[in-house]
Protein backbone atom coordinates (compact mmCIF):
# COMPACT_ATOMS: atom_id res chain seq x y z
CA MET A 1 4.93 -25.62 11.80
CA LEU A 2 2.29 -23.20 10.42
CA ASP A 3 0.82 -24.01 7.06
CA LEU A 4 -0.05 -20.58 5.83
CA HIS A 5 -0.74 -19.92 2.09
CA THR A 6 1.16 -17.24 0.27
CA ASP A 7 -1.80 -14.94 0.30
CA GLU A 8 -2.27 -15.41 4.15
CA MET A 9 1.59 -14.70 4.54
CA CYS A 10 1.12 -11.53 2.38
CA LEU A 11 -1.84 -10.30 4.53
CA LEU A 12 0.12 -10.99 7.74
CA SER A 13 3.41 -9.14 6.24
CA ARG A 14 1.18 -6.09 5.25
CA SER A 15 -0.58 -6.16 8.68
CA ARG A 16 2.91 -6.01 10.31
CA GLN A 17 4.17 -3.37 8.02
CA GLY A 18 1.05 -1.37 8.79
CA GLU A 19 1.66 -1.50 12.31
CA ARG A 20 5.31 -0.28 11.94
CA LEU A 21 4.16 2.40 9.82
CA HIS A 22 1.60 3.60 12.24
CA LYS A 23 4.20 3.72 15.10
CA HIS A 24 6.42 5.60 13.00
CA VAL A 25 3.70 8.11 12.03
CA SER A 26 3.01 8.42 15.74
CA SER A 27 6.56 9.15 16.42
CA VAL A 28 6.76 11.78 13.77
CA CYS A 29 3.65 13.50 15.15
CA LYS A 30 5.02 13.37 18.47
CA SER A 31 8.29 14.94 17.51
CA ALA A 32 6.57 17.55 15.33
CA TYR A 33 4.24 18.73 18.14
CA TYR A 34 7.07 18.85 20.58
CA SER A 35 9.10 21.02 18.30
CA ILE A 36 6.09 23.41 17.76
CA LYS A 37 5.43 23.42 21.68
CA THR A 38 9.23 24.34 22.44
CA LEU A 39 9.04 27.23 20.02
CA ARG A 40 7.24 29.04 22.78
CA HIS A 41 10.52 29.73 24.62
CA ILE A 42 11.89 31.87 21.75
CA ARG A 43 8.74 33.12 20.51
CA PRO A 44 9.06 36.58 22.33
CA VAL A 45 12.20 37.32 20.45
CA LEU A 46 10.92 36.32 16.85
CA THR A 47 8.74 38.43 14.57
CA CYS A 48 5.22 36.95 13.58
CA ASP A 49 6.70 36.01 10.02
CA MET A 50 9.79 34.65 11.40
CA ALA A 51 7.94 32.36 13.88
CA LYS A 52 5.58 31.10 11.21
CA ALA A 53 8.48 30.36 8.89
CA VAL A 54 10.67 28.47 11.53
CA THR A 55 7.38 26.48 12.67
CA ALA A 56 6.78 25.50 8.95
CA SER A 57 10.18 24.56 8.51
CA LEU A 58 10.53 22.36 11.58
CA THR A 59 7.27 20.82 10.90
CA GLN A 60 7.94 20.09 7.25
CA THR A 61 11.33 18.80 7.83
CA ARG A 62 9.82 16.12 10.16
CA LEU A 63 6.86 15.21 7.89
CA ASP A 64 8.84 15.15 4.70
CA PHE A 65 11.77 12.56 6.24
CA ALA A 66 11.16 9.29 4.50
CA ASN A 67 7.62 10.18 3.36
CA SER A 68 7.98 7.73 0.46
CA LEU A 69 7.65 4.84 2.99
CA LEU A 70 4.06 5.84 3.69
CA ILE A 71 2.64 4.84 0.32
CA GLY A 72 -0.25 2.47 1.16
CA THR A 73 -0.52 3.36 4.70
CA TYR A 74 -3.72 3.73 6.75
CA GLY A 75 -5.93 6.61 6.42
CA SER A 76 -5.90 7.35 9.94
CA SER A 77 -2.05 7.73 9.84
CA ILE A 78 -2.35 10.27 6.88
CA ASN A 79 -5.03 12.15 8.88
CA LYS A 80 -2.53 12.43 11.95
CA LEU A 81 0.26 13.68 9.61
CA GLN A 82 -2.34 16.27 8.14
CA SER A 83 -3.26 17.43 11.52
CA VAL A 84 0.15 18.12 12.54
CA GLN A 85 0.65 19.92 9.07
CA ASN A 86 -2.40 22.19 9.72
CA SER A 87 -1.43 22.91 13.34
CA ASP A 88 1.64 24.88 12.54
CA GLY A 89 -0.31 27.68 10.90
C-alpha cells in the first residue's frame, strides 16, 4: 500500500486535474478551430459583418462553456484559448 502524505496526495490530485483540464482545453480549441474552418463553405453567401458575427458567436460559445472550471489551469492552456479567440477576427 502506498504511504503518501496528505500534501503529496494533493499535489498528485492537482496534477491529474491539470492534465484533464489540458485535455479539455485542447478539445475546446480543436472544436472552435473546426467551426471557424467550416464557415468557408457558407462564406460566399454572407456579408463581411455577418461572417464576423457568426464566427465570433461560434467561438465565444465554445470558449465560454464551463470556463469557470479553468480557474487555476496552466498558462499554456490559457494561451491556447486566447489564440482561438484572437483567430476569429
